[in-house]
Each structure stands twice: as structure tokens, then as C-alpha cells.
Amino acid sequence: MSEDTAVLPRSAAWLAPVCLAGAVFLWGTSFMAAKTALTGFSPSVLVWLRMTLAALTVPFLLGRIPKPDYRPGDWKILSLLCLMQPCLYFLLESHALNLTTSSQAGMVSSLVPLFVAAGARAILGEPMTRGSMLGLAVSMAGVVWLSAAGAPAADAPDPALGNLLEVGAMVCAAVYMVVMKRLSARYSTWWLTGLQCVAGALFFLPGGLGNLSGLADAPAAAWIAVAYLGLFVTLGAFGLYNMAMTLMPAGRAALSINLVPLVALGAGWLLLGETLAPVQLAACGVVGVGVWLGRR
């Protein structure tokens, strides 16, 4: 029986959707939270603080996490996993949010399911349909239009470059999801999540320590946003999504990412007062059509 047609366990019938719903909410609000945190911290300090807070919780989880079934050579794929997520992903996204709005960055995240299909084709040799390729092309055209229509502003000085960096972050996220699915058969998803947190804290340590001046002057809202990102989003969202990945096919789990832009748009509008011009909303519609074509 193939992965896409396999019957899920009874527990997965309710546990997988609950995990995905939690991950989608946390990821959707993370763009708004990161934008708020950047009002008090540089991108490198923000990511380091975020990853360090998450890593500090790992020792409290180790006693409850099953030991991994490590095999010779696994370090290579584990290194690839950590390089894609969190290292390159957060490096790209933190700088992207310094240049574009949280709403636009959240909209770009809808490309992940199509990038997952492309990544599965490149890494696992899975076929990619013409519909997926067409949907990816249409979605990318929508992102280009969205970026071109975005005028520079105080909170988004270079939306085109910011959205391009966010596309790069989504490519890293897609590779991570494909690799995670391959590893989850032998490794606890929470063990992998903990490994990512520790790896991220070490990776961003030099940049964080080199830019510590001004921490005391950061507003309270920025500190609250960092705490939310580190303790809830970094650890919670990825842990919940990784758990859902063990209960359903990777492609089906990736479909939930389509809801992240809606949460991001709502959070940006309600809490940051962000708005999109009519032409940008039309571009978002093109991105949505492309995603629909790709997953049809």
C-alpha cells in the first residue's frame, strides 16, 4: 500500500489534525511576532535569542524522548536537516522580515507545498506532475507580481528583496520537510526538534554575541515576541508539525501550510495594522490559484 493511500491509525484521525492546527496557528503568528521583535533586536540577535531559549528547554525533555536508531552515516543527513532548518531558514527569514511586511512574507509561505513536491522529486525521486509544475510557475509569477507591486515603506524598505529572501527560506523549509519524513521512521520527532534547537543556538552564537549592545534598551514588546518565538513557535510549532508528519503522508501534511498565509495576514492586520493594496491582493490571488493548481 502506498504512502498516499495508507489507512491512518485511529489516533491519527484526531491527533494529526490537532497537531497541524496548532503548528499552523503558531507559524502564522510567527511573522507578526518576528516583525515585532525586530523593533528591538538585529536579525542575528533575534534568531540567536530565539534558538537559545528553545535549546534551554531541551534538557527537560530528554528523559521522555526515545533514543534514536542511529546508523553509520546518519550524521550527513542529520547535518543537512539542521543546515536547512533552522540555520539557513532563519538566516534568510529574519533578514526578509527586516525588508518586507509580515503579511507579504506570510503569503510567500504558501509556496511550501509545491516546493515540497519539487524537493521530493529531486531527493526521493518521486514523480512531479505537470499540474504541480504549472502551479509552481503560476505561484512564482504571483510572488513576483506581489513583490513588484509593493512600494518601499518605513517597515518594509525593500519588499522585493525581502520576498526573494523569503522564497529562499521556503526552499530550505521544503528540503527540511522531505528529509524529516525520511528520518522520522527511526528518530523521535521531538528528538529531531531538540537537535535542531541546539544546532541553531550554536550556529547563531557568533552573530548573537557580536551584537549584544543595546539589549537593555529593547522594548518590552520585543522581549515578549522573542519569548513567544523561542518557547512556543520554534519548539512547539516544529514539534507539532513533526509529530503530524509521522501520522500522515508528507504531501498531505504540507497542505496545511496553505492556511499559514491566512493566519499571517490576519495577525499582521489585527496587531500591526498592515494592509495590502488592491493590486497586491490580486497578486495574492494569483499565488493562491497557483497553489490550487499544484495540489489539485
C-alpha atoms as a PDB file:
ATOM      1  CA  MET A   1       0.000   0.000   0.000  1.00  0.00           C
ATOM      2  CA  SER A   2       1.432   3.384  -0.957  1.00  0.00           C
ATOM      3  CA  GLU A   3       2.012   6.197   1.484  1.00  0.00           C
ATOM      4  CA  ASP A   4      -0.740   8.308  -0.051  1.00  0.00           C
ATOM      5  CA  THR A   5      -3.349   5.568   0.211  1.00  0.00           C
ATOM      6  CA  ALA A   6      -2.347   4.085   3.545  1.00  0.00           C
ATOM      7  CA  VAL A   7      -5.052   3.982   6.213  1.00  0.00           C
ATOM      8  CA  LEU A   8      -4.080   6.078   9.188  1.00  0.00           C
ATOM      9  CA  PRO A   9      -4.352   4.720  12.757  1.00  0.00           C
ATOM     10  CA  ARG A  10      -7.451   5.734  14.690  1.00  0.00           C
ATOM     11  CA  SER A  11      -5.404   8.008  16.934  1.00  0.00           C
ATOM     12  CA  ALA A  12      -4.138   9.868  13.868  1.00  0.00           C
ATOM     13  CA  ALA A  13      -7.719  10.699  12.860  1.00  0.00           C
ATOM     14  CA  TRP A  14      -7.860  13.364  15.574  1.00  0.00           C
ATOM     15  CA  LEU A  15      -4.246  13.772  16.731  1.00  0.00           C
ATOM     16  CA  ALA A  16      -2.758  14.686  13.331  1.00  0.00           C
ATOM     17  CA  PRO A  17      -5.295  17.485  12.580  1.00  0.00           C
ATOM     18  CA  VAL A  18      -4.906  18.910  16.094  1.00  0.00           C
ATOM     19  CA  CYS A  19      -1.112  18.952  15.747  1.00  0.00           C
ATOM     20  CA  LEU A  20      -1.356  20.600  12.338  1.00  0.00           C
ATOM     21  CA  ALA A  21      -3.841  23.220  13.576  1.00  0.00           C
ATOM     22  CA  GLY A  22      -1.505  24.156  16.420  1.00  0.00           C
ATOM     23  CA  ALA A  23       1.507  24.339  14.102  1.00  0.00           C
ATOM     24  CA  VAL A  24      -0.384  26.477  11.559  1.00  0.00           C
ATOM     25  CA  PHE A  25      -1.506  28.964  14.230  1.00  0.00           C
ATOM     26  CA  LEU A  26       1.990  29.274  15.691  1.00  0.00           C
ATOM     27  CA  TRP A  27       3.663  29.600  12.293  1.00  0.00           C
ATOM     28  CA  GLY A  28       1.072  32.081  11.052  1.00  0.00           C
ATOM     29  CA  THR A  29       1.541  34.374  14.048  1.00  0.00           C
ATOM     30  CA  SER A  30       5.345  33.975  13.971  1.00  0.00           C
ATOM     31  CA  PHE A  31       5.698  36.505  11.133  1.00  0.00           C
ATOM     32  CA  MET A  32       3.954  39.176  13.183  1.00  0.00           C
ATOM     33  CA  ALA A  33       5.961  38.241  16.296  1.00  0.00           C
ATOM     34  CA  ALA A  34       9.281  38.333  14.423  1.00  0.00           C
ATOM     35  CA  LYS A  35       8.404  41.708  12.919  1.00  0.00           C
ATOM     36  CA  THR A  36       7.707  42.994  16.435  1.00  0.00           C
ATOM     37  CA  ALA A  37      10.944  41.523  17.808  1.00  0.00           C
ATOM     38  CA  LEU A  38      12.944  43.230  15.062  1.00  0.00           C
ATOM     39  CA  THR A  39      11.929  46.604  16.504  1.00  0.00           C
ATOM     40  CA  GLY A  40      14.349  45.913  19.362  1.00  0.00           C
ATOM     41  CA  PHE A  41      16.895  43.423  18.021  1.00  0.00           C
ATOM     42  CA  SER A  42      19.010  42.915  14.930  1.00  0.00           C
ATOM     43  CA  PRO A  43      18.185  39.799  12.838  1.00  0.00           C
ATOM     44  CA  SER A  44      21.237  37.887  14.135  1.00  0.00           C
ATOM     45  CA  VAL A  45      20.485  38.633  17.792  1.00  0.00           C
ATOM     46  CA  LEU A  46      16.806  37.833  17.330  1.00  0.00           C
ATOM     47  CA  VAL A  47      17.455  34.387  15.879  1.00  0.00           C
ATOM     48  CA  TRP A  48      20.158  33.589  18.451  1.00  0.00           C
ATOM     49  CA  LEU A  49      17.911  34.540  21.374  1.00  0.00           C
ATOM     50  CA  ARG A  50      15.040  32.602  19.836  1.00  0.00           C
ATOM     51  CA  MET A  51      17.071  29.425  19.314  1.00  0.00           C
ATOM     52  CA  THR A  52      18.816  29.682  22.685  1.00  0.00           C
ATOM     53  CA  LEU A  53      15.517  29.918  24.562  1.00  0.00           C
ATOM     54  CA  ALA A  54      14.246  26.844  22.721  1.00  0.00           C
ATOM     55  CA  ALA A  55      17.511  24.948  23.312  1.00  0.00           C
ATOM     56  CA  LEU A  56      17.352  25.607  27.075  1.00  0.00           C
ATOM     57  CA  THR A  57      14.154  23.562  27.259  1.00  0.00           C
ATOM     58  CA  VAL A  58      15.711  20.512  25.578  1.00  0.00           C
ATOM     59  CA  PRO A  59      17.358  19.044  28.759  1.00  0.00           C
ATOM     60  CA  PHE A  60      13.931  18.889  30.416  1.00  0.00           C
ATOM     61  CA  LEU A  61      12.600  16.749  27.527  1.00  0.00           C
ATOM     62  CA  LEU A  62      15.475  14.295  27.108  1.00  0.00           C
ATOM     63  CA  GLY A  63      14.234  11.839  29.747  1.00  0.00           C
ATOM     64  CA  ARG A  64      10.899  11.483  27.942  1.00  0.00           C
ATOM     65  CA  ILE A  65      12.235  11.128  24.395  1.00  0.00           C
ATOM     66  CA  PRO A  66      13.004   7.636  22.996  1.00  0.00           C
ATOM     67  CA  LYS A  67      16.612   7.082  21.965  1.00  0.00           C
ATOM     68  CA  PRO A  68      17.179   7.329  18.203  1.00  0.00           C
ATOM     69  CA  ASP A  69      18.053   4.359  15.994  1.00  0.00           C
ATOM     70  CA  TYR A  70      21.311   5.848  14.739  1.00  0.00           C
ATOM     71  CA  ARG A  71      23.040   4.159  11.830  1.00  0.00           C
ATOM     72  CA  PRO A  72      26.507   4.825  10.373  1.00  0.00           C
ATOM     73  CA  GLY A  73      26.402   7.778   8.021  1.00  0.00           C
ATOM     74  CA  ASP A  74      23.286   9.327   9.540  1.00  0.00           C
ATOM     75  CA  TRP A  75      25.327  12.357  10.582  1.00  0.00           C
ATOM     76  CA  LYS A  76      25.323  13.520   6.975  1.00  0.00           C
ATOM     77  CA  ILE A  77      21.552  13.644   6.621  1.00  0.00           C
ATOM     78  CA  LEU A  78      21.173  14.995  10.174  1.00  0.00           C
ATOM     79  CA  SER A  79      23.592  17.772   9.257  1.00  0.00           C
ATOM     80  CA  LEU A  80      21.576  18.537   6.119  1.00  0.00           C
ATOM     81  CA  LEU A  81      18.401  18.674   8.213  1.00  0.00           C
ATOM     82  CA  CYS A  82      19.885  21.192  10.658  1.00  0.00           C
ATOM     83  CA  LEU A  83      21.533  23.227   7.904  1.00  0.00           C
ATOM     84  CA  MET A  84      18.214  23.680   6.107  1.00  0.00           C
ATOM     85  CA  GLN A  85      16.174  24.176   9.265  1.00  0.00           C
ATOM     86  CA  PRO A  86      16.877  26.152  11.375  1.00  0.00           C
ATOM     87  CA  CYS A  87      20.210  27.552  10.156  1.00  0.00           C
ATOM     88  CA  LEU A  88      19.631  28.757   6.590  1.00  0.00           C
ATOM     89  CA  TYR A  89      15.862  29.064   7.024  1.00  0.00           C
ATOM     90  CA  PHE A  90      16.038  31.518   9.922  1.00  0.00           C
ATOM     91  CA  LEU A  91      19.043  33.329   8.485  1.00  0.00           C
ATOM     92  CA  LEU A  92      17.042  34.103   5.342  1.00  0.00           C
ATOM     93  CA  GLU A  93      13.687  34.740   7.013  1.00  0.00           C
ATOM     94  CA  SER A  94      14.973  37.092   9.719  1.00  0.00           C
ATOM     95  CA  HIS A  95      16.570  39.318   7.083  1.00  0.00           C
ATOM     96  CA  ALA A  96      13.482  39.012   4.872  1.00  0.00           C
ATOM     97  CA  LEU A  97      11.211  40.334   7.613  1.00  0.00           C
ATOM     98  CA  ASN A  98      13.547  43.288   8.046  1.00  0.00           C
ATOM     99  CA  LEU A  99      12.831  44.261   4.436  1.00  0.00           C
ATOM    100  CA  THR A 100       9.188  43.309   3.779  1.00  0.00           C
ATOM    101  CA  THR A 101       5.911  43.146   5.709  1.00  0.00           C
ATOM    102  CA  SER A 102       4.846  40.138   7.741  1.00  0.00           C
ATOM    103  CA  SER A 103       1.738  39.855   5.532  1.00  0.00           C
ATOM    104  CA  GLN A 104       3.736  39.539   2.317  1.00  0.00           C
ATOM    105  CA  ALA A 105       6.222  37.117   3.879  1.00  0.00           C
ATOM    106  CA  GLY A 106       3.329  35.020   5.159  1.00  0.00           C
ATOM    107  CA  MET A 107       1.829  34.907   1.674  1.00  0.00           C
ATOM    108  CA  VAL A 108       5.103  33.649   0.217  1.00  0.00           C
ATOM    109  CA  SER A 109       4.976  30.744   2.681  1.00  0.00           C
ATOM    110  CA  SER A 110       2.098  29.249   0.657  1.00  0.00           C
ATOM    111  CA  LEU A 111       4.722  28.059  -1.851  1.00  0.00           C
ATOM    112  CA  VAL A 112       5.997  25.397   0.562  1.00  0.00           C
ATOM    113  CA  PRO A 113       3.702  22.527  -0.589  1.00  0.00           C
ATOM    114  CA  LEU A 114       4.831  22.987  -4.188  1.00  0.00           C
ATOM    115  CA  PHE A 115       8.464  23.204  -3.151  1.00  0.00           C
ATOM    116  CA  VAL A 116       7.959  20.007  -1.138  1.00  0.00           C
ATOM    117  CA  ALA A 117       6.743  18.272  -4.298  1.00  0.00           C
ATOM    118  CA  ALA A 118       9.791  19.554  -6.171  1.00  0.00           C
ATOM    119  CA  GLY A 119      12.077  18.500  -3.316  1.00  0.00           C
ATOM    120  CA  ALA A 120      10.554  15.020  -3.219  1.00  0.00           C
ATOM    121  CA  ARG A 121      11.238  14.787  -6.946  1.00  0.00           C
ATOM    122  CA  ALA A 122      14.872  15.850  -6.549  1.00  0.00           C
ATOM    123  CA  ILE A 123      15.734  13.984  -3.324  1.00  0.00           C
ATOM    124  CA  LEU A 124      13.425  10.969  -3.246  1.00  0.00           C
ATOM    125  CA  GLY A 125      12.835  10.532  -6.979  1.00  0.00           C
ATOM    126  CA  GLU A 126       9.069  10.913  -6.617  1.00  0.00           C
ATOM    127  CA  PRO A 127       7.258  11.975  -9.820  1.00  0.00           C
ATOM    128  CA  MET A 128       6.125  15.581 -10.189  1.00  0.00           C
ATOM    129  CA  THR A 129       3.014  16.064 -12.275  1.00  0.00           C
ATOM    130  CA  ARG A 130       2.532  18.688 -14.951  1.00  0.00           C
ATOM    131  CA  GLY A 131      -0.102  20.265 -12.723  1.00  0.00           C
ATOM    132  CA  SER A 132       2.444  20.694  -9.952  1.00  0.00           C
ATOM    133  CA  MET A 133       4.937  22.282 -12.322  1.00  0.00           C
ATOM    134  CA  LEU A 134       2.270  24.609 -13.740  1.00  0.00           C
ATOM    135  CA  GLY A 135       1.085  25.545 -10.252  1.00  0.00           C
ATOM    136  CA  LEU A 136       4.642  26.298  -9.157  1.00  0.00           C
ATOM    137  CA  ALA A 137       5.186  28.539 -12.187  1.00  0.00           C
ATOM    138  CA  VAL A 138       1.906  30.422 -11.618  1.00  0.00           C
ATOM    139  CA  SER A 139       2.616  30.855  -7.902  1.00  0.00           C
ATOM    140  CA  MET A 140       6.099  32.178  -8.562  1.00  0.00           C
ATOM    141  CA  ALA A 141       4.627  34.644 -11.069  1.00  0.00           C
ATOM    142  CA  GLY A 142       2.222  35.795  -8.354  1.00  0.00           C
ATOM    143  CA  VAL A 143       5.090  36.297  -5.903  1.00  0.00           C
ATOM    144  CA  VAL A 144       6.988  38.348  -8.489  1.00  0.00           C
ATOM    145  CA  TRP A 145       3.875  40.485  -9.040  1.00  0.00           C
ATOM    146  CA  LEU A 146       3.332  40.856  -5.281  1.00  0.00           C
ATOM    147  CA  SER A 147       6.932  41.996  -4.851  1.00  0.00           C
ATOM    148  CA  ALA A 148       6.825  44.403  -7.795  1.00  0.00           C
ATOM    149  CA  ALA A 149       3.602  45.983  -6.507  1.00  0.00           C
ATOM    150  CA  GLY A 150       4.998  46.569  -3.033  1.00  0.00           C
ATOM    151  CA  ALA A 151       6.167  50.137  -2.505  1.00  0.00           C
ATOM    152  CA  PRO A 152       9.010  50.781  -0.029  1.00  0.00           C
ATOM    153  CA  ALA A 153       7.846  51.943   3.402  1.00  0.00           C
ATOM    154  CA  ALA A 154       9.298  52.542   6.848  1.00  0.00           C
ATOM    155  CA  ASP A 155       8.521  48.989   7.964  1.00  0.00           C
ATOM    156  CA  ALA A 156       9.300  47.450   4.548  1.00  0.00           C
ATOM    157  CA  PRO A 157      12.230  49.297   2.926  1.00  0.00           C
ATOM    158  CA  ASP A 158      12.816  46.735   0.154  1.00  0.00           C
ATOM    159  CA  PRO A 159       9.827  44.350  -0.242  1.00  0.00           C
ATOM    160  CA  ALA A 160      11.145  42.830  -3.481  1.00  0.00           C
ATOM    161  CA  LEU A 161      14.426  41.687  -1.911  1.00  0.00           C
ATOM    162  CA  GLY A 162      12.635  40.699   1.288  1.00  0.00           C
ATOM    163  CA  ASN A 163      10.177  38.490  -0.583  1.00  0.00           C
ATOM    164  CA  LEU A 164      13.037  36.935  -2.569  1.00  0.00           C
ATOM    165  CA  LEU A 165      14.825  36.042   0.656  1.00  0.00           C
ATOM    166  CA  GLU A 166      11.564  34.578   1.974  1.00  0.00           C
ATOM    167  CA  VAL A 167      11.328  32.392  -1.145  1.00  0.00           C
ATOM    168  CA  GLY A 168      14.808  31.111  -0.339  1.00  0.00           C
ATOM    169  CA  ALA A 169      13.683  30.355   3.215  1.00  0.00           C
ATOM    170  CA  MET A 170      10.708  28.398   1.871  1.00  0.00           C
ATOM    171  CA  VAL A 171      13.032  26.319  -0.353  1.00  0.00           C
ATOM    172  CA  CYS A 172      15.033  25.432   2.760  1.00  0.00           C
ATOM    173  CA  ALA A 173      11.802  24.558   4.591  1.00  0.00           C
ATOM    174  CA  ALA A 174      10.724  22.244   1.769  1.00  0.00           C
ATOM    175  CA  VAL A 175      14.044  20.373   1.734  1.00  0.00           C
ATOM    176  CA  TYR A 176      13.805  20.073   5.511  1.00  0.00           C
ATOM    177  CA  MET A 177      10.318  18.547   5.325  1.00  0.00           C
ATOM    178  CA  VAL A 178      11.390  15.932   2.786  1.00  0.00           C
ATOM    179  CA  VAL A 179      14.454  14.992   4.838  1.00  0.00           C
ATOM    180  CA  MET A 180      12.409  14.962   8.062  1.00  0.00           C
ATOM    181  CA  LYS A 181       9.956  12.484   6.558  1.00  0.00           C
ATOM    182  CA  ARG A 182      12.840  10.181   5.686  1.00  0.00           C
ATOM    183  CA  LEU A 183      14.326  10.344   9.199  1.00  0.00           C
ATOM    184  CA  SER A 184      11.104  10.150  11.212  1.00  0.00           C
ATOM    185  CA  ALA A 185      10.884   6.368  10.786  1.00  0.00           C
ATOM    186  CA  ARG A 186      13.926   5.871  13.038  1.00  0.00           C
ATOM    187  CA  TYR A 187      14.106   9.071  15.067  1.00  0.00           C
ATOM    188  CA  SER A 188      11.633  10.571  17.509  1.00  0.00           C
ATOM    189  CA  THR A 189      10.272  13.807  16.083  1.00  0.00           C
ATOM    190  CA  TRP A 190      10.873  15.566  19.406  1.00  0.00           C
ATOM    191  CA  TRP A 191      14.487  14.316  19.431  1.00  0.00           C
ATOM    192  CA  LEU A 192      14.980  15.814  15.981  1.00  0.00           C
ATOM    193  CA  THR A 193      13.304  19.049  17.063  1.00  0.00           C
ATOM    194  CA  GLY A 194      15.623  19.277  20.078  1.00  0.00           C
ATOM    195  CA  LEU A 195      18.641  18.642  17.877  1.00  0.00           C
ATOM    196  CA  GLN A 196      17.562  21.474  15.586  1.00  0.00           C
ATOM    197  CA  CYS A 197      17.181  23.877  18.518  1.00  0.00           C
ATOM    198  CA  VAL A 198      20.667  23.116  19.875  1.00  0.00           C
ATOM    199  CA  ALA A 199      22.230  23.280  16.397  1.00  0.00           C
ATOM    200  CA  GLY A 200      20.550  26.616  15.742  1.00  0.00           C
ATOM    201  CA  ALA A 201      21.695  28.102  19.054  1.00  0.00           C
ATOM    202  CA  LEU A 202      25.310  27.132  18.267  1.00  0.00           C
ATOM    203  CA  PHE A 203      25.116  28.256  14.625  1.00  0.00           C
ATOM    204  CA  PHE A 204      23.851  31.728  15.501  1.00  0.00           C
ATOM    205  CA  LEU A 205      26.021  32.130  18.632  1.00  0.00           C
ATOM    206  CA  PRO A 206      28.826  34.203  16.968  1.00  0.00           C
ATOM    207  CA  GLY A 207      26.356  36.629  15.393  1.00  0.00           C
ATOM    208  CA  GLY A 208      24.397  36.930  18.619  1.00  0.00           C
ATOM    209  CA  LEU A 209      27.389  37.572  20.875  1.00  0.00           C
ATOM    210  CA  GLY A 210      28.814  40.082  18.420  1.00  0.00           C
ATOM    211  CA  ASN A 211      25.723  42.299  18.552  1.00  0.00           C
ATOM    212  CA  LEU A 212      24.675  42.322  22.199  1.00  0.00           C
ATOM    213  CA  SER A 213      24.919  46.073  22.654  1.00  0.00           C
ATOM    214  CA  GLY A 214      21.559  47.670  23.139  1.00  0.00           C
ATOM    215  CA  LEU A 215      19.764  44.643  24.622  1.00  0.00           C
ATOM    216  CA  ALA A 216      18.813  46.630  27.691  1.00  0.00           C
ATOM    217  CA  ASP A 217      17.181  49.278  25.508  1.00  0.00           C
ATOM    218  CA  ALA A 218      14.931  46.811  23.658  1.00  0.00           C
ATOM    219  CA  PRO A 219      11.217  47.484  24.302  1.00  0.00           C
ATOM    220  CA  ALA A 220       9.175  45.044  26.356  1.00  0.00           C
ATOM    221  CA  ALA A 221       7.114  44.075  23.300  1.00  0.00           C
ATOM    222  CA  ALA A 222      10.282  42.900  21.536  1.00  0.00           C
ATOM    223  CA  TRP A 223      11.264  40.705  24.506  1.00  0.00           C
ATOM    224  CA  ILE A 224       7.764  39.229  24.713  1.00  0.00           C
ATOM    225  CA  ALA A 225       7.883  38.479  20.988  1.00  0.00           C
ATOM    226  CA  VAL A 226      11.262  36.746  21.356  1.00  0.00           C
ATOM    227  CA  ALA A 227       9.947  34.635  24.236  1.00  0.00           C
ATOM    228  CA  TYR A 228       6.906  33.666  22.173  1.00  0.00           C
ATOM    229  CA  LEU A 229       9.073  32.730  19.190  1.00  0.00           C
ATOM    230  CA  GLY A 230      11.592  30.761  21.225  1.00  0.00           C
ATOM    231  CA  LEU A 231       9.363  28.893  23.654  1.00  0.00           C
ATOM    232  CA  PHE A 232       6.240  28.391  21.556  1.00  0.00           C
ATOM    233  CA  VAL A 233       6.961  28.717  17.841  1.00  0.00           C
ATOM    234  CA  THR A 234      10.483  27.299  17.499  1.00  0.00           C
ATOM    235  CA  LEU A 235       9.913  24.344  19.796  1.00  0.00           C
ATOM    236  CA  GLY A 236       6.140  23.947  19.709  1.00  0.00           C
ATOM    237  CA  ALA A 237       5.317  24.517  16.036  1.00  0.00           C
ATOM    238  CA  PHE A 238       8.079  22.322  14.669  1.00  0.00           C
ATOM    239  CA  GLY A 239       7.440  19.642  17.278  1.00  0.00           C
ATOM    240  CA  LEU A 240       3.718  19.543  16.469  1.00  0.00           C
ATOM    241  CA  TYR A 241       4.325  19.514  12.715  1.00  0.00           C
ATOM    242  CA  ASN A 242       6.988  16.820  13.010  1.00  0.00           C
ATOM    243  CA  MET A 243       4.570  14.698  15.041  1.00  0.00           C
ATOM    244  CA  ALA A 244       1.868  15.106  12.377  1.00  0.00           C
ATOM    245  CA  MET A 245       4.416  14.085   9.725  1.00  0.00           C
ATOM    246  CA  THR A 246       4.735  10.674  11.397  1.00  0.00           C
ATOM    247  CA  LEU A 247       0.961  10.146  11.202  1.00  0.00           C
ATOM    248  CA  MET A 248       0.264  11.092   7.568  1.00  0.00           C
ATOM    249  CA  PRO A 249       1.998  11.435   4.189  1.00  0.00           C
ATOM    250  CA  ALA A 250       4.396  14.368   3.820  1.00  0.00           C
ATOM    251  CA  GLY A 251       2.435  15.852   0.913  1.00  0.00           C
ATOM    252  CA  ARG A 252      -0.841  15.768   2.814  1.00  0.00           C
ATOM    253  CA  ALA A 253       0.727  17.345   5.901  1.00  0.00           C
ATOM    254  CA  ALA A 254       2.302  20.057   3.741  1.00  0.00           C
ATOM    255  CA  LEU A 255      -1.167  21.065   2.521  1.00  0.00           C
ATOM    256  CA  SER A 256      -1.801  22.594   5.939  1.00  0.00           C
ATOM    257  CA  ILE A 257       0.848  25.222   5.132  1.00  0.00           C
ATOM    258  CA  ASN A 258      -1.737  26.762   2.782  1.00  0.00           C
ATOM    259  CA  LEU A 259      -3.537  28.075   5.875  1.00  0.00           C
ATOM    260  CA  VAL A 260      -0.454  29.847   7.265  1.00  0.00           C
ATOM    261  CA  PRO A 261      -0.814  32.900   4.952  1.00  0.00           C
ATOM    262  CA  LEU A 262      -4.386  33.457   6.144  1.00  0.00           C
ATOM    263  CA  VAL A 263      -3.264  33.473   9.773  1.00  0.00           C
ATOM    264  CA  ALA A 264      -0.291  35.701   8.907  1.00  0.00           C
ATOM    265  CA  LEU A 265      -2.485  38.200   7.032  1.00  0.00           C
ATOM    266  CA  GLY A 266      -4.965  38.310   9.909  1.00  0.00           C
ATOM    267  CA  ALA A 267      -2.279  38.729  12.582  1.00  0.00           C
ATOM    268  CA  GLY A 268      -0.495  41.430  10.576  1.00  0.00           C
ATOM    269  CA  TRP A 269      -3.746  43.336  10.100  1.00  0.00           C
ATOM    270  CA  LEU A 270      -5.069  42.984  13.654  1.00  0.00           C
ATOM    271  CA  LEU A 271      -1.856  43.516  15.620  1.00  0.00           C
ATOM    272  CA  LEU A 272       0.436  45.512  13.317  1.00  0.00           C
ATOM    273  CA  GLY A 273      -2.081  47.437  11.230  1.00  0.00           C
ATOM    274  CA  GLU A 274      -0.619  46.110   7.971  1.00  0.00           C
ATOM    275  CA  THR A 275      -2.684  46.362   4.808  1.00  0.00           C
ATOM    276  CA  LEU A 276      -2.280  45.243   1.212  1.00  0.00           C
ATOM    277  CA  ALA A 277      -3.106  47.405  -1.811  1.00  0.00           C
ATOM    278  CA  PRO A 278      -5.773  46.045  -4.213  1.00  0.00           C
ATOM    279  CA  VAL A 279      -3.109  45.103  -6.767  1.00  0.00           C
ATOM    280  CA  GLN A 280      -1.235  43.171  -4.067  1.00  0.00           C
ATOM    281  CA  LEU A 281      -4.414  41.347  -3.090  1.00  0.00           C
ATOM    282  CA  ALA A 282      -4.814  40.385  -6.749  1.00  0.00           C
ATOM    283  CA  ALA A 283      -1.240  39.092  -6.742  1.00  0.00           C
ATOM    284  CA  CYS A 284      -2.052  37.049  -3.620  1.00  0.00           C
ATOM    285  CA  GLY A 285      -4.974  35.589  -5.560  1.00  0.00           C
ATOM    286  CA  VAL A 286      -2.600  34.507  -8.334  1.00  0.00           C
ATOM    287  CA  VAL A 287      -0.370  32.818  -5.771  1.00  0.00           C
ATOM    288  CA  GLY A 288      -3.424  31.040  -4.353  1.00  0.00           C
ATOM    289  CA  VAL A 289      -4.531  29.869  -7.804  1.00  0.00           C
ATOM    290  CA  GLY A 290      -1.066  28.506  -8.431  1.00  0.00           C
ATOM    291  CA  VAL A 291      -1.087  26.573  -5.170  1.00  0.00           C
ATOM    292  CA  TRP A 292      -4.547  25.193  -6.006  1.00  0.00           C
ATOM    293  CA  LEU A 293      -3.378  24.087  -9.457  1.00  0.00           C
ATOM    294  CA  GLY A 294      -0.315  22.438  -7.998  1.00  0.00           C
ATOM    295  CA  ARG A 295      -2.220  20.463  -5.352  1.00  0.00           C
ATOM    296  CA  ARG A 296      -5.332  19.730  -7.460  1.00  0.00           C
END
